[in-house]
N, C-alpha and C. Protein backbone atom coordinates (compact mmCIF):
# COMPACT_ATOMS: atom_id res chain seq x y z
N GLN A 1 88.44 99.47 117.49
CA GLN A 1 88.67 100.24 116.03
C GLN A 1 89.89 99.76 115.18
N VAL A 2 89.77 98.70 114.04
CA VAL A 2 90.69 98.19 113.32
C VAL A 2 91.81 99.40 112.97
N GLN A 3 92.70 99.61 112.52
CA GLN A 3 93.57 100.67 112.45
C GLN A 3 94.73 100.11 111.40
N LEU A 4 95.08 99.88 109.96
CA LEU A 4 96.48 99.52 109.33
C LEU A 4 96.95 100.94 108.68
N VAL A 5 98.07 100.74 108.94
CA VAL A 5 98.89 101.17 108.14
C VAL A 5 100.38 100.95 107.70
N GLU A 6 100.04 100.79 106.35
CA GLU A 6 101.03 100.39 105.21
C GLU A 6 102.33 101.77 105.13
N SER A 7 103.17 100.69 104.82
CA SER A 7 104.63 101.50 104.44
C SER A 7 105.56 100.44 103.55
N GLY A 8 106.50 101.18 103.11
CA GLY A 8 107.15 100.68 102.07
C GLY A 8 107.49 100.41 100.82
N GLY A 9 106.19 100.70 99.89
CA GLY A 9 106.07 101.57 98.87
C GLY A 9 107.66 102.12 98.44
N GLY A 10 107.31 102.43 97.03
CA GLY A 10 108.38 102.65 95.93
C GLY A 10 108.07 102.86 94.70
N SER A 11 109.50 103.31 94.30
CA SER A 11 109.89 103.19 92.63
C SER A 11 110.84 101.98 92.27
N VAL A 12 110.97 101.35 91.87
CA VAL A 12 111.96 100.23 91.45
C VAL A 12 112.27 99.63 90.14
N GLN A 13 113.22 99.51 89.48
CA GLN A 13 113.07 98.94 88.27
C GLN A 13 112.59 97.62 88.40
N SER A 14 112.75 96.67 86.75
CA SER A 14 111.87 95.15 86.99
C SER A 14 112.90 94.22 87.59
N GLY A 15 112.44 93.60 88.13
CA GLY A 15 113.33 92.69 88.90
C GLY A 15 113.71 93.15 89.88
N GLY A 16 113.88 93.73 90.79
CA GLY A 16 114.08 94.67 92.11
C GLY A 16 113.26 94.18 92.67
N SER A 17 113.70 94.16 94.18
CA SER A 17 112.76 93.90 95.46
C SER A 17 112.08 95.11 96.56
N LEU A 18 110.69 94.96 97.17
CA LEU A 18 110.30 96.06 97.75
C LEU A 18 109.93 94.61 99.20
N ARG A 19 109.85 95.36 100.01
CA ARG A 19 109.04 94.97 101.56
C ARG A 19 107.78 95.94 101.98
N LEU A 20 106.76 95.17 101.93
CA LEU A 20 105.68 96.26 102.37
C LEU A 20 105.76 95.98 104.04
N SER A 21 105.08 96.92 104.33
CA SER A 21 104.82 96.70 106.03
C SER A 21 103.41 96.87 106.10
N CYS A 22 102.54 96.17 107.12
CA CYS A 22 101.04 96.22 107.89
C CYS A 22 101.19 96.48 109.17
N GLU A 23 101.09 97.83 109.66
CA GLU A 23 101.12 97.97 110.84
C GLU A 23 99.26 97.95 111.73
N VAL A 24 99.36 96.82 111.85
CA VAL A 24 97.84 96.83 112.72
C VAL A 24 97.49 97.01 114.43
N TRP A 25 96.51 98.15 114.30
CA TRP A 25 96.15 98.89 115.24
C TRP A 25 94.72 98.93 116.05
N GLY A 26 94.57 98.78 117.62
CA GLY A 26 93.31 98.51 118.05
C GLY A 26 93.05 96.93 118.13
N VAL A 27 93.79 96.43 117.85
CA VAL A 27 92.73 95.02 118.20
C VAL A 27 94.02 93.97 118.11
N SER A 28 93.92 92.84 118.55
CA SER A 28 94.44 91.64 119.02
C SER A 28 95.29 91.15 117.52
N LEU A 29 96.36 91.06 116.69
CA LEU A 29 96.57 90.84 115.73
C LEU A 29 96.20 89.21 115.68
N ASP A 30 96.71 88.33 116.57
CA ASP A 30 96.15 87.34 116.13
C ASP A 30 94.94 86.46 116.18
N GLU A 31 94.02 87.93 116.12
CA GLU A 31 92.61 87.14 116.29
C GLU A 31 92.30 87.71 114.38
N TYR A 32 93.13 87.58 113.86
CA TYR A 32 92.75 88.60 112.48
C TYR A 32 93.15 87.74 111.41
N VAL A 33 92.89 87.59 110.50
CA VAL A 33 93.02 86.84 109.08
C VAL A 33 93.60 88.62 108.15
N ILE A 34 95.13 88.40 107.78
CA ILE A 34 95.77 89.46 107.04
C ILE A 34 95.73 89.37 105.51
N GLY A 35 95.23 90.33 104.98
CA GLY A 35 96.03 90.06 103.37
C GLY A 35 96.52 91.54 102.81
N TRP A 36 96.83 90.97 101.61
CA TRP A 36 97.31 92.22 100.55
C TRP A 36 96.58 92.61 99.07
N THR A 37 96.09 92.80 99.48
CA THR A 37 95.08 93.58 97.93
C THR A 37 95.86 94.55 96.75
N ARG A 38 95.73 94.42 95.74
CA ARG A 38 96.64 95.82 95.18
C ARG A 38 95.06 96.23 94.11
N GLN A 39 95.41 97.37 93.50
CA GLN A 39 94.31 97.93 92.16
C GLN A 39 95.86 98.02 91.03
N PRO A 40 95.56 97.91 90.44
CA PRO A 40 96.52 98.68 89.02
C PRO A 40 95.72 99.52 88.95
N PRO A 41 96.61 100.49 87.98
CA PRO A 41 95.87 101.87 87.40
C PRO A 41 95.17 101.19 86.32
N GLY A 42 93.62 101.95 86.55
CA GLY A 42 92.06 101.91 85.78
C GLY A 42 91.71 100.31 85.78
N LYS A 43 92.28 99.46 87.09
CA LYS A 43 91.67 97.79 87.32
C LYS A 43 91.11 98.11 88.46
N GLU A 44 90.01 97.21 88.32
CA GLU A 44 89.74 96.68 89.61
C GLU A 44 90.62 96.22 90.72
N ALA A 45 89.98 96.07 92.08
CA ALA A 45 91.13 95.40 92.97
C ALA A 45 91.28 94.28 93.04
N GLU A 46 92.39 94.05 93.28
CA GLU A 46 92.76 92.45 92.96
C GLU A 46 93.55 91.50 94.33
N GLY A 47 93.43 90.46 95.08
CA GLY A 47 93.89 89.87 96.12
C GLY A 47 95.50 89.22 95.42
N VAL A 48 96.26 89.68 96.54
CA VAL A 48 97.92 88.93 96.17
C VAL A 48 97.81 87.50 97.12
N SER A 49 97.67 88.02 98.23
CA SER A 49 98.48 87.31 99.43
C SER A 49 97.38 87.48 100.65
N CYS A 50 97.30 86.55 101.81
CA CYS A 50 96.65 86.31 103.11
C CYS A 50 97.32 85.21 103.84
N VAL A 51 97.02 85.68 105.09
CA VAL A 51 97.92 84.53 105.88
C VAL A 51 96.97 84.61 107.16
N ASP A 52 96.62 83.30 107.77
CA ASP A 52 95.88 83.36 109.07
C ASP A 52 96.05 83.99 110.19
N TYR A 53 95.32 83.57 111.31
CA TYR A 53 96.14 84.44 112.38
C TYR A 53 96.98 83.97 113.21
N SER A 54 97.38 82.46 112.65
CA SER A 54 98.27 81.75 113.62
C SER A 54 99.40 81.76 112.45
N GLY A 55 99.50 82.43 111.12
CA GLY A 55 100.72 82.72 110.01
C GLY A 55 101.08 81.29 109.72
N ARG A 56 100.03 80.18 109.96
CA ARG A 56 100.72 78.73 109.46
C ARG A 56 100.20 78.40 107.96
N LEU A 57 99.08 78.91 108.05
CA LEU A 57 98.16 79.35 106.40
C LEU A 57 98.33 80.51 105.85
N THR A 58 98.64 79.95 104.52
CA THR A 58 98.78 81.58 103.75
C THR A 58 98.63 81.03 102.06
N ASN A 59 98.20 81.72 101.58
CA ASN A 59 98.02 82.25 100.13
C ASN A 59 98.27 82.94 98.92
N TYR A 60 98.22 82.60 97.95
CA TYR A 60 99.04 83.64 97.14
C TYR A 60 98.23 83.57 96.00
N ARG A 61 98.23 85.03 95.32
CA ARG A 61 97.32 84.66 93.54
C ARG A 61 98.60 83.84 92.85
N ASP A 62 98.27 83.65 91.63
CA ASP A 62 98.97 82.74 90.55
C ASP A 62 100.27 83.20 90.06
N SER A 63 99.89 84.61 89.84
CA SER A 63 100.38 85.46 89.57
C SER A 63 102.36 86.06 90.02
N VAL A 64 101.66 85.65 91.67
CA VAL A 64 102.86 86.26 92.30
C VAL A 64 103.60 84.87 93.17
N LYS A 65 102.94 83.81 93.08
CA LYS A 65 103.83 82.52 93.55
C LYS A 65 105.06 82.26 93.42
N GLY A 66 105.90 82.11 94.15
CA GLY A 66 107.25 82.20 94.29
C GLY A 66 108.18 83.27 94.13
N ARG A 67 107.43 84.61 94.31
CA ARG A 67 108.05 85.56 94.23
C ARG A 67 108.01 87.02 95.19
N PHE A 68 106.64 86.22 95.54
CA PHE A 68 106.21 87.17 97.32
C PHE A 68 106.26 86.41 98.15
N SER A 69 106.14 86.86 99.72
CA SER A 69 106.30 85.89 100.66
C SER A 69 105.17 86.63 101.67
N ILE A 70 104.21 86.35 102.44
CA ILE A 70 103.75 86.94 103.40
C ILE A 70 104.35 86.27 104.47
N LEU A 71 104.58 87.16 105.65
CA LEU A 71 104.92 87.14 107.17
C LEU A 71 104.58 87.80 108.31
N ARG A 72 103.75 87.09 109.05
CA ARG A 72 103.21 88.15 110.24
C ARG A 72 104.19 88.01 111.58
N ASP A 73 104.45 88.80 112.05
CA ASP A 73 104.83 89.18 113.56
C ASP A 73 103.67 89.47 114.56
N ASN A 74 103.18 88.91 115.22
CA ASN A 74 101.88 88.78 116.12
C ASN A 74 102.85 89.96 117.41
N VAL A 75 103.32 89.90 117.36
CA VAL A 75 104.29 90.42 118.72
C VAL A 75 104.29 91.53 118.20
N LYS A 76 104.68 92.16 117.66
CA LYS A 76 105.25 93.76 116.84
C LYS A 76 104.12 93.71 116.24
N HIS A 77 102.99 93.33 115.87
CA HIS A 77 101.55 94.03 115.24
C HIS A 77 101.94 94.04 113.65
N THR A 78 102.42 93.29 113.19
CA THR A 78 102.96 93.54 111.96
C THR A 78 103.10 92.31 110.69
N VAL A 79 102.45 92.61 109.64
CA VAL A 79 102.34 91.45 108.71
C VAL A 79 103.33 92.38 107.71
N HIS A 80 104.33 91.97 107.15
CA HIS A 80 104.85 91.88 106.14
C HIS A 80 104.58 91.29 104.44
N LEU A 81 105.04 92.02 103.14
CA LEU A 81 104.82 91.17 102.14
C LEU A 81 106.39 91.56 101.49
N GLN A 82 106.87 90.76 101.32
CA GLN A 82 108.53 90.63 100.47
C GLN A 82 108.38 90.14 99.54
N MET A 83 108.44 90.99 98.13
CA MET A 83 108.27 91.15 96.86
C MET A 83 109.78 91.51 96.09
N ASN A 84 109.62 89.90 95.52
CA ASN A 84 111.34 89.65 94.84
C ASN A 84 110.63 89.51 93.81
N SER A 85 111.86 89.73 92.61
CA SER A 85 111.64 89.52 90.92
C SER A 85 110.38 90.34 90.69
N LEU A 86 110.49 91.70 91.22
CA LEU A 86 109.37 92.57 90.93
C LEU A 86 109.37 93.25 89.51
N LYS A 87 108.18 92.75 88.79
CA LYS A 87 107.48 93.41 86.99
C LYS A 87 106.77 94.56 87.19
N PRO A 88 106.59 94.81 85.60
CA PRO A 88 106.05 96.25 85.70
C PRO A 88 104.37 95.93 86.05
N GLU A 89 103.95 94.90 85.48
CA GLU A 89 102.84 94.36 86.13
C GLU A 89 102.34 94.26 87.68
N ASP A 90 103.11 94.42 88.33
CA ASP A 90 103.60 95.11 89.45
C ASP A 90 103.24 95.85 89.89
N THR A 91 102.80 96.78 89.17
CA THR A 91 102.20 98.11 89.67
C THR A 91 101.48 98.44 89.78
N ALA A 92 101.38 99.09 91.06
CA ALA A 92 99.62 99.15 91.59
C ALA A 92 99.48 99.72 93.09
N THR A 93 98.80 100.22 93.43
CA THR A 93 98.14 101.17 94.91
C THR A 93 97.90 99.53 95.86
N TYR A 94 98.92 99.22 96.76
CA TYR A 94 98.88 98.01 97.95
C TYR A 94 98.53 98.18 99.13
N TYR A 95 96.94 97.66 99.11
CA TYR A 95 96.09 97.83 100.40
C TYR A 95 96.61 96.51 101.63
N CYS A 96 96.72 96.86 102.60
CA CYS A 96 96.68 96.31 103.63
C CYS A 96 94.90 95.98 103.85
N VAL A 97 94.47 94.50 103.91
CA VAL A 97 92.88 94.30 104.42
C VAL A 97 93.21 93.04 105.72
N ALA A 98 92.00 93.27 106.45
CA ALA A 98 91.89 92.30 107.32
C ALA A 98 90.53 91.91 107.85
N ILE A 99 90.16 90.85 108.32
CA ILE A 99 88.95 90.15 108.66
C ILE A 99 89.67 89.42 109.97
N ARG A 100 88.13 89.72 110.90
CA ARG A 100 88.56 89.05 112.12
C ARG A 100 88.11 87.42 111.97
N ASN A 101 88.90 86.36 112.13
CA ASN A 101 88.84 85.15 112.14
C ASN A 101 90.11 84.06 112.92
N PRO A 102 89.61 84.35 113.97
CA PRO A 102 90.92 83.31 114.92
C PRO A 102 90.78 81.70 114.85
N HIS A 103 90.43 81.09 113.88
CA HIS A 103 90.37 80.07 113.48
C HIS A 103 91.61 79.71 112.61
N PRO A 104 92.02 77.97 112.29
CA PRO A 104 92.84 77.97 111.27
C PRO A 104 92.21 77.97 109.95
N TYR A 105 92.47 78.85 108.93
CA TYR A 105 91.34 78.90 107.78
C TYR A 105 92.19 79.19 106.43
N HIS A 106 91.99 78.87 105.28
CA HIS A 106 92.83 79.26 104.09
C HIS A 106 91.80 80.02 103.47
N CYS A 107 92.49 81.44 103.55
CA CYS A 107 92.33 82.41 103.37
C CYS A 107 91.93 82.60 101.59
N PRO A 108 91.23 83.27 101.51
CA PRO A 108 91.09 83.41 99.61
C PRO A 108 91.74 84.80 99.22
N VAL A 109 91.73 84.76 98.01
CA VAL A 109 92.53 85.64 97.35
C VAL A 109 91.61 86.30 96.18
N GLU A 110 90.40 85.59 95.91
CA GLU A 110 89.58 86.01 95.10
C GLU A 110 88.17 86.87 96.17
N ASP A 111 88.03 88.16 94.94
CA ASP A 111 86.85 88.90 95.74
C ASP A 111 87.51 89.32 97.07
N PRO A 112 88.48 90.46 96.99
CA PRO A 112 88.82 91.01 98.05
C PRO A 112 87.58 91.92 98.89
N MET A 113 86.96 92.95 97.88
CA MET A 113 85.85 93.56 98.11
C MET A 113 84.78 92.76 98.81
N ALA A 114 84.78 91.83 98.64
CA ALA A 114 83.53 90.95 99.90
C ALA A 114 84.22 90.78 101.01
N HIS A 115 85.26 90.04 100.73
CA HIS A 115 85.96 89.10 101.79
C HIS A 115 86.54 89.99 103.03
N TYR A 116 87.25 91.34 102.83
CA TYR A 116 87.98 91.81 103.86
C TYR A 116 86.81 92.72 104.42
N ARG A 117 86.67 93.02 105.59
CA ARG A 117 85.95 94.44 106.24
C ARG A 117 87.23 95.68 106.01
N TYR A 118 88.06 95.17 106.95
CA TYR A 118 88.47 96.59 107.48
C TYR A 118 90.27 96.87 106.04
N TRP A 119 90.13 97.89 105.66
CA TRP A 119 91.42 98.09 104.73
C TRP A 119 91.91 99.55 105.43
N GLY A 120 93.69 99.23 105.04
CA GLY A 120 94.42 100.63 104.94
C GLY A 120 93.87 101.55 103.74
N HIS A 121 95.09 102.57 103.99
CA HIS A 121 95.02 103.52 102.92
C HIS A 121 95.88 103.56 101.54
N GLY A 122 96.61 102.52 101.76
CA GLY A 122 97.15 102.23 100.51
C GLY A 122 98.47 102.42 100.27
N THR A 123 99.84 101.87 100.03
CA THR A 123 101.16 102.49 99.94
C THR A 123 101.26 102.23 98.00
N GLN A 124 102.09 103.20 97.09
CA GLN A 124 101.90 102.39 96.12
C GLN A 124 103.03 102.27 95.33
N VAL A 125 103.38 101.46 94.48
CA VAL A 125 104.63 100.85 94.41
C VAL A 125 104.52 100.57 92.95
N THR A 126 105.56 100.76 92.07
CA THR A 126 106.08 101.39 90.71
C THR A 126 106.95 100.49 90.23
N VAL A 127 106.62 99.65 89.01
CA VAL A 127 108.03 99.14 88.71
C VAL A 127 107.92 99.27 87.40
N SER A 128 109.30 99.92 86.78
CA SER A 128 109.72 100.48 85.77
C SER A 128 110.40 99.10 84.78
N ARG A 129 110.36 99.37 83.55
CA ARG A 129 110.66 98.46 82.58
C ARG A 129 112.74 98.53 82.22
């Protein structure tokens, strides 16, 4: 049973930084693609970033490129999302998501609801002007 536990959300001012963490329990992390998906208030979920099982292949939605970085530590069963230069439009509930795929893979950020099988409970990020 895959368990994804997010932490690190909070409230910051525009331009600030936050680091989200996703602890993965119940499976071998090095067999899973891990992603971050967010749901802004009143909007549908949208993919933010993802990393393949090895950590070598990553992907980001255009609006966060150059500001967000996804890092995985398979030894510590954790995947981080470092978010810098935050903007009010980054305000959302952020979910850690996963799908088993132990192969080199250009993971998608589009349509996360269709792609990722496992979801965490989410952590809130609020960015004020």
